[in-house]
Amino acid sequence: MLTILSLTPCKFAYMQKTLESTGDRIKRCRKEAKLTQEQLSEFAGVSSSAVAQWESGDSKSLRPENLFKVARALKKSPEWLVTGIGPEHPRWEICDAIADLPGDDPQKVLDFIQYRFDKAEGFVASDKLAHYNVMIEDFKRDLESRKKRT
């Protein structure tokens, strides 16, 4: 008699148990930060049930604006939270340092960096340039929101 199903553990079963989803990463990082679901929901401006749905995988949509708020609260890179790929820790410190420059210098610094990235076309991979340009745009948005708060 030929048995098709095996009760012994296999590599695929092990891999499925070790892969971490976006919800798993959010939950783990929230616990590492010693935050409750309610506290994280306050940072993101959503209900605590939304956070519970993200963590359980019941919600298939995590809006970008909420993702960035969650990432900021957890001190993690938004890209890493979603994919598990790339640097886990964000580069917010760079944005903070740029924002601390006097007058309109922060905007000039960001414009210069973007100009240099534009000039790097052909020398740097296009996917990296696209990623860098998104980062610069995020920095500019963050700078604008900081200006509005002060």
C-alpha atoms as a PDB file:
ATOM      1  CA  MET A   1       0.000   0.000   0.000  1.00  0.00           C
ATOM      2  CA  LEU A   2       1.338   3.430  -0.970  1.00  0.00           C
ATOM      3  CA  THR A   3       0.964   6.291   1.507  1.00  0.00           C
ATOM      4  CA  ILE A   4       0.744   9.696  -0.114  1.00  0.00           C
ATOM      5  CA  LEU A   5       0.554  11.819   3.017  1.00  0.00           C
ATOM      6  CA  SER A   6       3.326  11.724   5.542  1.00  0.00           C
ATOM      7  CA  LEU A   7       2.989  12.621   9.199  1.00  0.00           C
ATOM      8  CA  THR A   8       6.682  13.374   9.557  1.00  0.00           C
ATOM      9  CA  PRO A   9       7.682  17.034   9.520  1.00  0.00           C
ATOM     10  CA  CYS A  10       9.051  18.289   6.237  1.00  0.00           C
ATOM     11  CA  LYS A  11      11.052  21.329   5.193  1.00  0.00           C
ATOM     12  CA  PHE A  12       8.004  23.062   3.726  1.00  0.00           C
ATOM     13  CA  ALA A  13       6.049  22.795   6.965  1.00  0.00           C
ATOM     14  CA  TYR A  14       9.046  24.187   8.842  1.00  0.00           C
ATOM     15  CA  MET A  15       9.384  27.081   6.393  1.00  0.00           C
ATOM     16  CA  GLN A  16       5.719  28.005   6.747  1.00  0.00           C
ATOM     17  CA  LYS A  17       6.074  28.178  10.508  1.00  0.00           C
ATOM     18  CA  THR A  18       9.143  30.412  10.370  1.00  0.00           C
ATOM     19  CA  LEU A  19       7.993  32.949   7.753  1.00  0.00           C
ATOM     20  CA  GLU A  20       6.851  36.157   9.376  1.00  0.00           C
ATOM     21  CA  SER A  21       3.944  38.162   7.979  1.00  0.00           C
ATOM     22  CA  THR A  22       3.454  41.925   8.153  1.00  0.00           C
ATOM     23  CA  GLY A  23       1.033  41.378  11.035  1.00  0.00           C
ATOM     24  CA  ASP A  24       3.559  39.192  12.839  1.00  0.00           C
ATOM     25  CA  ARG A  25       6.231  41.886  12.514  1.00  0.00           C
ATOM     26  CA  ILE A  26       3.876  44.629  13.721  1.00  0.00           C
ATOM     27  CA  LYS A  27       2.812  42.531  16.713  1.00  0.00           C
ATOM     28  CA  ARG A  28       6.369  41.511  17.628  1.00  0.00           C
ATOM     29  CA  CYS A  29       7.688  45.070  17.325  1.00  0.00           C
ATOM     30  CA  ARG A  30       4.738  46.470  19.270  1.00  0.00           C
ATOM     31  CA  LYS A  31       5.458  44.051  22.110  1.00  0.00           C
ATOM     32  CA  GLU A  32       9.199  44.838  21.971  1.00  0.00           C
ATOM     33  CA  ALA A  33       8.300  48.531  22.269  1.00  0.00           C
ATOM     34  CA  LYS A  34       6.087  47.629  25.255  1.00  0.00           C
ATOM     35  CA  LEU A  35       3.034  49.177  23.614  1.00  0.00           C
ATOM     36  CA  THR A  36      -0.522  47.926  23.834  1.00  0.00           C
ATOM     37  CA  GLN A  37      -2.752  47.695  20.775  1.00  0.00           C
ATOM     38  CA  GLU A  38      -4.621  50.706  22.133  1.00  0.00           C
ATOM     39  CA  GLN A  39      -1.447  52.773  22.429  1.00  0.00           C
ATOM     40  CA  LEU A  40      -0.342  51.865  18.907  1.00  0.00           C
ATOM     41  CA  SER A  41      -3.813  52.697  17.603  1.00  0.00           C
ATOM     42  CA  GLU A  42      -3.514  56.170  19.160  1.00  0.00           C
ATOM     43  CA  PHE A  43      -0.185  56.751  17.362  1.00  0.00           C
ATOM     44  CA  ALA A  44      -1.728  55.660  14.059  1.00  0.00           C
ATOM     45  CA  GLY A  45      -5.032  57.446  14.577  1.00  0.00           C
ATOM     46  CA  VAL A  46      -7.064  54.276  14.061  1.00  0.00           C
ATOM     47  CA  SER A  47      -9.180  52.036  16.267  1.00  0.00           C
ATOM     48  CA  SER A  48      -7.568  49.342  18.389  1.00  0.00           C
ATOM     49  CA  SER A  49      -9.621  46.788  16.452  1.00  0.00           C
ATOM     50  CA  ALA A  50      -7.821  47.940  13.264  1.00  0.00           C
ATOM     51  CA  VAL A  51      -4.474  47.191  14.929  1.00  0.00           C
ATOM     52  CA  ALA A  52      -5.797  43.800  16.055  1.00  0.00           C
ATOM     53  CA  GLN A  53      -6.878  43.067  12.472  1.00  0.00           C
ATOM     54  CA  TRP A  54      -3.457  44.036  11.085  1.00  0.00           C
ATOM     55  CA  GLU A  55      -1.720  41.794  13.593  1.00  0.00           C
ATOM     56  CA  SER A  56      -4.006  38.823  12.999  1.00  0.00           C
ATOM     57  CA  GLY A  57      -3.906  39.172   9.230  1.00  0.00           C
ATOM     58  CA  ASP A  58      -7.676  39.691   9.040  1.00  0.00           C
ATOM     59  CA  SER A  59      -7.181  43.073   7.380  1.00  0.00           C
ATOM     60  CA  LYS A  60      -5.781  42.923   3.870  1.00  0.00           C
ATOM     61  CA  SER A  61      -5.247  46.674   3.633  1.00  0.00           C
ATOM     62  CA  LEU A  62      -2.917  48.796   5.691  1.00  0.00           C
ATOM     63  CA  ARG A  63      -3.115  52.319   4.314  1.00  0.00           C
ATOM     64  CA  PRO A  64       0.260  53.918   3.564  1.00  0.00           C
ATOM     65  CA  GLU A  65      -0.387  56.878   5.866  1.00  0.00           C
ATOM     66  CA  ASN A  66      -1.187  54.476   8.729  1.00  0.00           C
ATOM     67  CA  LEU A  67       1.814  52.312   7.903  1.00  0.00           C
ATOM     68  CA  PHE A  68       4.147  55.314   8.206  1.00  0.00           C
ATOM     69  CA  LYS A  69       2.600  56.311  11.533  1.00  0.00           C
ATOM     70  CA  VAL A  70       2.940  52.749  12.856  1.00  0.00           C
ATOM     71  CA  ALA A  71       6.520  52.511  11.595  1.00  0.00           C
ATOM     72  CA  ARG A  72       7.379  55.813  13.268  1.00  0.00           C
ATOM     73  CA  ALA A  73       5.819  54.687  16.554  1.00  0.00           C
ATOM     74  CA  LEU A  74       7.682  51.361  16.443  1.00  0.00           C
ATOM     75  CA  LYS A  75      10.930  52.975  15.208  1.00  0.00           C
ATOM     76  CA  LYS A  76      11.027  50.596  12.246  1.00  0.00           C
ATOM     77  CA  SER A  77      11.379  51.058   8.515  1.00  0.00           C
ATOM     78  CA  PRO A  78       7.956  50.987   6.774  1.00  0.00           C
ATOM     79  CA  GLU A  79       9.384  48.890   3.936  1.00  0.00           C
ATOM     80  CA  TRP A  80      10.777  46.354   6.389  1.00  0.00           C
ATOM     81  CA  LEU A  81       7.491  46.190   8.319  1.00  0.00           C
ATOM     82  CA  VAL A  82       5.590  45.298   5.152  1.00  0.00           C
ATOM     83  CA  THR A  83       8.081  43.029   3.388  1.00  0.00           C
ATOM     84  CA  GLY A  84      10.649  41.953   5.945  1.00  0.00           C
ATOM     85  CA  ILE A  85      13.271  43.095   3.425  1.00  0.00           C
ATOM     86  CA  GLY A  86      15.770  45.912   3.789  1.00  0.00           C
ATOM     87  CA  PRO A  87      16.997  47.695   6.876  1.00  0.00           C
ATOM     88  CA  GLU A  88      14.797  47.142   9.923  1.00  0.00           C
ATOM     89  CA  HIS A  89      15.625  50.483  11.473  1.00  0.00           C
ATOM     90  CA  PRO A  90      14.608  53.676   9.695  1.00  0.00           C
ATOM     91  CA  ARG A  91      16.753  56.591   8.801  1.00  0.00           C
ATOM     92  CA  TRP A  92      14.547  59.099  10.655  1.00  0.00           C
ATOM     93  CA  GLU A  93      17.649  60.488  12.311  1.00  0.00           C
ATOM     94  CA  ILE A  94      18.738  61.914   8.957  1.00  0.00           C
ATOM     95  CA  CYS A  95      15.405  63.650   8.571  1.00  0.00           C
ATOM     96  CA  ASP A  96      15.616  64.952  12.132  1.00  0.00           C
ATOM     97  CA  ALA A  97      19.104  66.341  11.493  1.00  0.00           C
ATOM     98  CA  ILE A  98      18.000  68.005   8.253  1.00  0.00           C
ATOM     99  CA  ALA A  99      14.904  69.458   9.925  1.00  0.00           C
ATOM    100  CA  ASP A 100      17.067  70.992  12.670  1.00  0.00           C
ATOM    101  CA  LEU A 101      18.943  73.173  10.173  1.00  0.00           C
ATOM    102  CA  PRO A 102      18.090  76.879  10.428  1.00  0.00           C
ATOM    103  CA  GLY A 103      15.784  78.804   8.100  1.00  0.00           C
ATOM    104  CA  ASP A 104      15.173  77.377   4.668  1.00  0.00           C
ATOM    105  CA  ASP A 105      18.374  75.298   4.749  1.00  0.00           C
ATOM    106  CA  PRO A 106      16.492  71.985   5.226  1.00  0.00           C
ATOM    107  CA  GLN A 107      14.612  72.496   1.951  1.00  0.00           C
ATOM    108  CA  LYS A 108      17.857  73.473   0.167  1.00  0.00           C
ATOM    109  CA  VAL A 109      19.606  70.346   1.469  1.00  0.00           C
ATOM    110  CA  LEU A 110      16.774  68.094   0.271  1.00  0.00           C
ATOM    111  CA  ASP A 111      16.658  69.844  -3.113  1.00  0.00           C
ATOM    112  CA  PHE A 112      20.430  69.392  -3.482  1.00  0.00           C
ATOM    113  CA  ILE A 113      20.260  65.702  -2.565  1.00  0.00           C
ATOM    114  CA  GLN A 114      17.451  65.177  -5.069  1.00  0.00           C
ATOM    115  CA  TYR A 115      19.468  67.038  -7.722  1.00  0.00           C
ATOM    116  CA  ARG A 116      22.469  64.767  -7.076  1.00  0.00           C
ATOM    117  CA  PHE A 117      20.279  61.672  -7.357  1.00  0.00           C
ATOM    118  CA  ASP A 118      18.925  62.959 -10.662  1.00  0.00           C
ATOM    119  CA  LYS A 119      22.513  63.400 -11.904  1.00  0.00           C
ATOM    120  CA  ALA A 120      23.366  59.833 -10.778  1.00  0.00           C
ATOM    121  CA  GLU A 121      21.027  58.320 -13.375  1.00  0.00           C
ATOM    122  CA  GLY A 122      23.004  55.730 -15.297  1.00  0.00           C
ATOM    123  CA  PHE A 123      25.468  55.242 -12.440  1.00  0.00           C
ATOM    124  CA  VAL A 124      23.018  53.951  -9.851  1.00  0.00           C
ATOM    125  CA  ALA A 125      20.409  51.258 -10.487  1.00  0.00           C
ATOM    126  CA  SER A 126      17.050  52.757 -11.484  1.00  0.00           C
ATOM    127  CA  ASP A 127      15.158  50.868  -8.756  1.00  0.00           C
ATOM    128  CA  LYS A 128      17.499  52.335  -6.149  1.00  0.00           C
ATOM    129  CA  LEU A 129      17.089  55.822  -7.590  1.00  0.00           C
ATOM    130  CA  ALA A 130      13.319  55.424  -7.450  1.00  0.00           C
ATOM    131  CA  HIS A 131      13.594  54.309  -3.827  1.00  0.00           C
ATOM    132  CA  TYR A 132      15.863  57.262  -2.983  1.00  0.00           C
ATOM    133  CA  ASN A 133      13.494  59.716  -4.637  1.00  0.00           C
ATOM    134  CA  VAL A 134      10.599  58.306  -2.598  1.00  0.00           C
ATOM    135  CA  MET A 135      12.714  58.783   0.547  1.00  0.00           C
ATOM    136  CA  ILE A 136      13.441  62.398  -0.377  1.00  0.00           C
ATOM    137  CA  GLU A 137       9.746  63.046  -1.014  1.00  0.00           C
ATOM    138  CA  ASP A 138       8.964  61.487   2.397  1.00  0.00           C
ATOM    139  CA  PHE A 139      11.561  63.761   3.999  1.00  0.00           C
ATOM    140  CA  LYS A 140      10.011  66.782   2.283  1.00  0.00           C
ATOM    141  CA  ARG A 141       6.521  65.826   3.502  1.00  0.00           C
ATOM    142  CA  ASP A 142       7.870  65.305   7.006  1.00  0.00           C
ATOM    143  CA  LEU A 143       9.591  68.692   6.860  1.00  0.00           C
ATOM    144  CA  GLU A 144       6.344  70.370   5.752  1.00  0.00           C
ATOM    145  CA  SER A 145       4.366  68.736   8.560  1.00  0.00           C
ATOM    146  CA  ARG A 146       7.009  69.866  11.079  1.00  0.00           C
ATOM    147  CA  LYS A 147       6.739  73.439   9.775  1.00  0.00           C
ATOM    148  CA  LYS A 148       2.951  73.341  10.198  1.00  0.00           C
ATOM    149  CA  ARG A 149       3.255  72.110  13.803  1.00  0.00           C
ATOM    150  CA  THR A 150       5.575  74.958  14.833  1.00  0.00           C
END
